[in-house]
C-alpha atoms as a PDB file:
ATOM      1  CA  MET A   1       0.000   0.000   0.000  1.00  0.00           C
ATOM      2  CA  SER A   2       1.257   3.419  -0.802  1.00  0.00           C
ATOM      3  CA  ARG A   3      -0.231   6.750  -0.003  1.00  0.00           C
ATOM      4  CA  SER A   4       0.287  10.092  -1.621  1.00  0.00           C
ATOM      5  CA  VAL A   5       3.064  12.170  -0.154  1.00  0.00           C
ATOM      6  CA  LEU A   6       4.407  15.195  -1.941  1.00  0.00           C
ATOM      7  CA  ASP A   7       7.593  14.197  -3.718  1.00  0.00           C
ATOM      8  CA  GLU A   8      10.693  15.950  -2.423  1.00  0.00           C
ATOM      9  CA  ALA A   9      11.432  17.161  -5.956  1.00  0.00           C
ATOM     10  CA  HIS A  10       8.285  19.275  -5.666  1.00  0.00           C
ATOM     11  CA  ILE A  11       9.373  20.962  -2.431  1.00  0.00           C
ATOM     12  CA  HIS A  12      11.573  24.021  -2.708  1.00  0.00           C
ATOM     13  CA  PRO A  13      15.021  23.444  -1.141  1.00  0.00           C
ATOM     14  CA  ALA A  14      14.633  26.532   1.060  1.00  0.00           C
ATOM     15  CA  ILE A  15      11.758  24.954   3.022  1.00  0.00           C
ATOM     16  CA  ARG A  16      12.879  21.320   3.227  1.00  0.00           C
ATOM     17  CA  ALA A  17      14.524  21.818   6.634  1.00  0.00           C
ATOM     18  CA  VAL A  18      11.357  23.404   8.002  1.00  0.00           C
ATOM     19  CA  ILE A  19       9.268  20.471   6.788  1.00  0.00           C
ATOM     20  CA  SER A  20      11.634  17.776   8.039  1.00  0.00           C
ATOM     21  CA  GLY A  21      12.008  19.437  11.438  1.00  0.00           C
ATOM     22  CA  HIS A  22       8.350  20.308  12.013  1.00  0.00           C
ATOM     23  CA  HIS A  23       7.506  18.753  15.408  1.00  0.00           C
ATOM     24  CA  ALA A  24      10.081  16.050  14.714  1.00  0.00           C
ATOM     25  CA  GLY A  25      10.598  15.556  18.447  1.00  0.00           C
ATOM     26  CA  ILE A  26       7.185  13.993  18.965  1.00  0.00           C
ATOM     27  CA  VAL A  27       7.772  11.574  16.088  1.00  0.00           C
ATOM     28  CA  ARG A  28      11.176  10.591  17.517  1.00  0.00           C
ATOM     29  CA  GLU A  29       9.602  10.060  20.946  1.00  0.00           C
ATOM     30  CA  VAL A  30       6.980   7.712  19.500  1.00  0.00           C
ATOM     31  CA  GLN A  31       9.608   5.915  17.410  1.00  0.00           C
ATOM     32  CA  ALA A  32      11.698   5.358  20.560  1.00  0.00           C
ATOM     33  CA  ALA A  33       8.663   3.972  22.416  1.00  0.00           C
ATOM     34  CA  ILE A  34       7.902   1.633  19.498  1.00  0.00           C
ATOM     35  CA  ALA A  35      11.508   0.430  19.440  1.00  0.00           C
ATOM     36  CA  GLY A  36      11.449  -0.366  23.151  1.00  0.00           C
ATOM     37  CA  ASN A  37       7.955  -1.795  23.670  1.00  0.00           C
ATOM     38  CA  ALA A  38       5.933  -4.547  22.030  1.00  0.00           C
ATOM     39  CA  VAL A  39       2.701  -2.548  22.341  1.00  0.00           C
ATOM     40  CA  VAL A  40       2.399   1.241  22.269  1.00  0.00           C
ATOM     41  CA  VAL A  41      -0.781   3.292  22.544  1.00  0.00           C
ATOM     42  CA  VAL A  42      -0.585   6.956  21.554  1.00  0.00           C
ATOM     43  CA  GLY A  43      -3.525   8.997  22.769  1.00  0.00           C
ATOM     44  CA  MET A  44      -4.814  12.253  24.104  1.00  0.00           C
ATOM     45  CA  ALA A  45      -6.711  13.452  27.158  1.00  0.00           C
ATOM     46  CA  GLN A  46     -10.511  13.777  27.083  1.00  0.00           C
ATOM     47  CA  ASN A  47     -10.847  11.261  24.260  1.00  0.00           C
ATOM     48  CA  PRO A  48     -12.615   8.059  25.329  1.00  0.00           C
ATOM     49  CA  TYR A  49     -11.063   5.872  22.625  1.00  0.00           C
ATOM     50  CA  PRO A  50      -7.518   5.768  24.024  1.00  0.00           C
ATOM     51  CA  ARG A  51      -9.098   4.661  27.325  1.00  0.00           C
ATOM     52  CA  LYS A  52     -10.999   1.908  25.484  1.00  0.00           C
ATOM     53  CA  ALA A  53      -7.801   0.646  23.862  1.00  0.00           C
ATOM     54  CA  ARG A  54      -5.960   0.672  27.185  1.00  0.00           C
ATOM     55  CA  LYS A  55      -8.833  -1.090  28.947  1.00  0.00           C
ATOM     56  CA  ALA A  56      -8.871  -3.831  26.300  1.00  0.00           C
ATOM     57  CA  LEU A  57      -5.136  -4.363  26.849  1.00  0.00           C
ATOM     58  CA  ASP A  58      -5.565  -4.278  30.640  1.00  0.00           C
ATOM     59  CA  VAL A  59      -8.266  -6.970  30.456  1.00  0.00           C
ATOM     60  CA  LEU A  60      -5.810  -9.193  28.586  1.00  0.00           C
ATOM     61  CA  GLY A  61      -3.005  -8.357  30.993  1.00  0.00           C
ATOM     62  CA  THR A  62      -0.891  -7.138  28.072  1.00  0.00           C
ATOM     63  CA  PRO A  63       1.821  -4.662  29.057  1.00  0.00           C
ATOM     64  CA  TYR A  64       1.980  -1.522  26.927  1.00  0.00           C
ATOM     65  CA  LYS A  65       3.537   1.919  26.816  1.00  0.00           C
ATOM     66  CA  TYR A  66       1.059   4.791  26.822  1.00  0.00           C
ATOM     67  CA  LEU A  67       1.977   8.205  25.457  1.00  0.00           C
ATOM     68  CA  GLU A  68      -0.491  11.064  25.864  1.00  0.00           C
ATOM     69  CA  TYR A  69      -0.256  14.260  23.866  1.00  0.00           C
ATOM     70  CA  GLY A  70      -2.566  17.108  24.778  1.00  0.00           C
ATOM     71  CA  SER A  71      -6.330  17.249  24.671  1.00  0.00           C
ATOM     72  CA  TYR A  72      -8.954  18.303  22.170  1.00  0.00           C
ATOM     73  CA  LEU A  73      -7.952  21.951  22.419  1.00  0.00           C
ATOM     74  CA  GLY A  74      -4.287  21.611  23.262  1.00  0.00           C
ATOM     75  CA  GLY A  75      -1.492  19.772  21.530  1.00  0.00           C
ATOM     76  CA  TRP A  76      -3.289  19.285  18.234  1.00  0.00           C
ATOM     77  CA  ARG A  77      -0.460  20.840  16.235  1.00  0.00           C
ATOM     78  CA  ARG A  78       2.036  18.348  17.655  1.00  0.00           C
ATOM     79  CA  ARG A  79      -0.392  15.446  17.134  1.00  0.00           C
ATOM     80  CA  ASN A  80      -0.765  16.564  13.527  1.00  0.00           C
ATOM     81  CA  ALA A  81       2.884  15.614  12.962  1.00  0.00           C
ATOM     82  CA  LEU A  82       2.050  12.061  14.102  1.00  0.00           C
ATOM     83  CA  LYS A  83      -0.971  11.926  11.825  1.00  0.00           C
ATOM     84  CA  MET A  84       1.128  13.065   8.892  1.00  0.00           C
ATOM     85  CA  TRP A  85       3.867  10.553   9.742  1.00  0.00           C
ATOM     86  CA  THR A  86       1.536   7.555  10.099  1.00  0.00           C
ATOM     87  CA  GLY A  87      -1.310   8.532   7.820  1.00  0.00           C
ATOM     88  CA  TRP A  88      -3.723   7.498  10.610  1.00  0.00           C
ATOM     89  CA  PRO A  89      -6.329  10.249  11.114  1.00  0.00           C
ATOM     90  CA  THR A  90      -7.495   9.661  14.696  1.00  0.00           C
ATOM     91  CA  MET A  91      -6.402   8.895  18.242  1.00  0.00           C
ATOM     92  CA  PRO A  92      -5.437   6.473  19.552  1.00  0.00           C
ATOM     93  CA  MET A  93      -2.713   5.049  17.404  1.00  0.00           C
ATOM     94  CA  VAL A  94      -1.913   1.495  18.469  1.00  0.00           C
ATOM     95  CA  PHE A  95       1.361  -0.127  17.468  1.00  0.00           C
ATOM     96  CA  VAL A  96       2.080  -3.824  17.908  1.00  0.00           C
ATOM     97  CA  LYS A  97       5.696  -4.877  17.406  1.00  0.00           C
ATOM     98  CA  GLY A  98       6.372  -1.753  15.397  1.00  0.00           C
ATOM     99  CA  VAL A  99       3.297  -2.066  13.168  1.00  0.00           C
ATOM    100  CA  LEU A 100       0.471   0.454  13.259  1.00  0.00           C
ATOM    101  CA  VAL A 101      -2.692  -1.623  13.685  1.00  0.00           C
ATOM    102  CA  GLY A 102      -5.151   1.287  13.888  1.00  0.00           C
ATOM    103  CA  GLY A 103      -7.158   2.644  16.782  1.00  0.00           C
ATOM    104  CA  ALA A 104      -9.329   1.228  19.557  1.00  0.00           C
ATOM    105  CA  SER A 105     -11.906  -0.386  17.249  1.00  0.00           C
ATOM    106  CA  GLU A 106      -9.273  -2.031  15.080  1.00  0.00           C
ATOM    107  CA  LEU A 107      -7.440  -3.271  18.190  1.00  0.00           C
ATOM    108  CA  GLN A 108     -10.650  -4.806  19.537  1.00  0.00           C
ATOM    109  CA  ARG A 109     -11.277  -6.562  16.207  1.00  0.00           C
ATOM    110  CA  LEU A 110      -7.751  -7.993  16.300  1.00  0.00           C
ATOM    111  CA  ILE A 111      -8.289  -9.194  19.868  1.00  0.00           C
ATOM    112  CA  ASP A 112     -11.668 -10.748  19.031  1.00  0.00           C
ATOM    113  CA  SER A 113     -10.281 -12.572  15.992  1.00  0.00           C
ATOM    114  CA  GLY A 114      -7.208 -13.898  17.809  1.00  0.00           C
ATOM    115  CA  GLU A 115      -4.895 -11.992  15.476  1.00  0.00           C
ATOM    116  CA  PHE A 116      -3.616  -9.766  18.314  1.00  0.00           C
ATOM    117  CA  ALA A 117      -2.263 -12.790  20.220  1.00  0.00           C
ATOM    118  CA  ARG A 118      -0.638 -14.086  17.026  1.00  0.00           C
ATOM    119  CA  LEU A 119       0.997 -10.710  16.418  1.00  0.00           C
ATOM    120  CA  LEU A 120       2.447 -10.692  19.931  1.00  0.00           C
ATOM    121  CA  GLU A 121       3.740 -14.254  19.605  1.00  0.00           C
ATOM    122  CA  ALA A 122       5.390 -13.619  16.237  1.00  0.00           C
ATOM    123  CA  LYS A 123       9.172 -13.731  16.331  1.00  0.00           C
ATOM    124  CA  GLN A 124       9.485 -10.560  14.276  1.00  0.00           C
ATOM    125  CA  ALA A 125      11.694  -7.946  15.836  1.00  0.00           C
ATOM    126  CA  PHE A 126      10.196  -4.524  16.177  1.00  0.00           C
ATOM    127  CA  ARG A 127      12.198  -1.685  14.749  1.00  0.00           C
ATOM    128  CA  THR A 128      12.150   2.070  14.491  1.00  0.00           C
ATOM    129  CA  MET A 129      10.589   3.670  11.462  1.00  0.00           C
END
């Protein structure tokens, strides 16, 4: 699967540094969490869906790293960098062994189907993006 991203050849050289550095810290922080944890949930305050994802993991007894960035009114600019990086439009973002699996609903579907357990048992090494 590929998604449209503006080709670097169509970005003026004078603004490339601005684009590559725009809220890069939050992306690096999430990448570090993904590299060090089998399951990572990225969420925000006041949103019930990150809580649903965390509760589903708690019920299973699955350890996870939770990162929270702002609320509905605060932190949205920084979260935008994560949305642009992943292509996932909503919170939470759930990563399993370095793979974005979606949000709370997608996580629950994986759990219900047994695919979540298979993903955790897989011998694949998680890596940074």
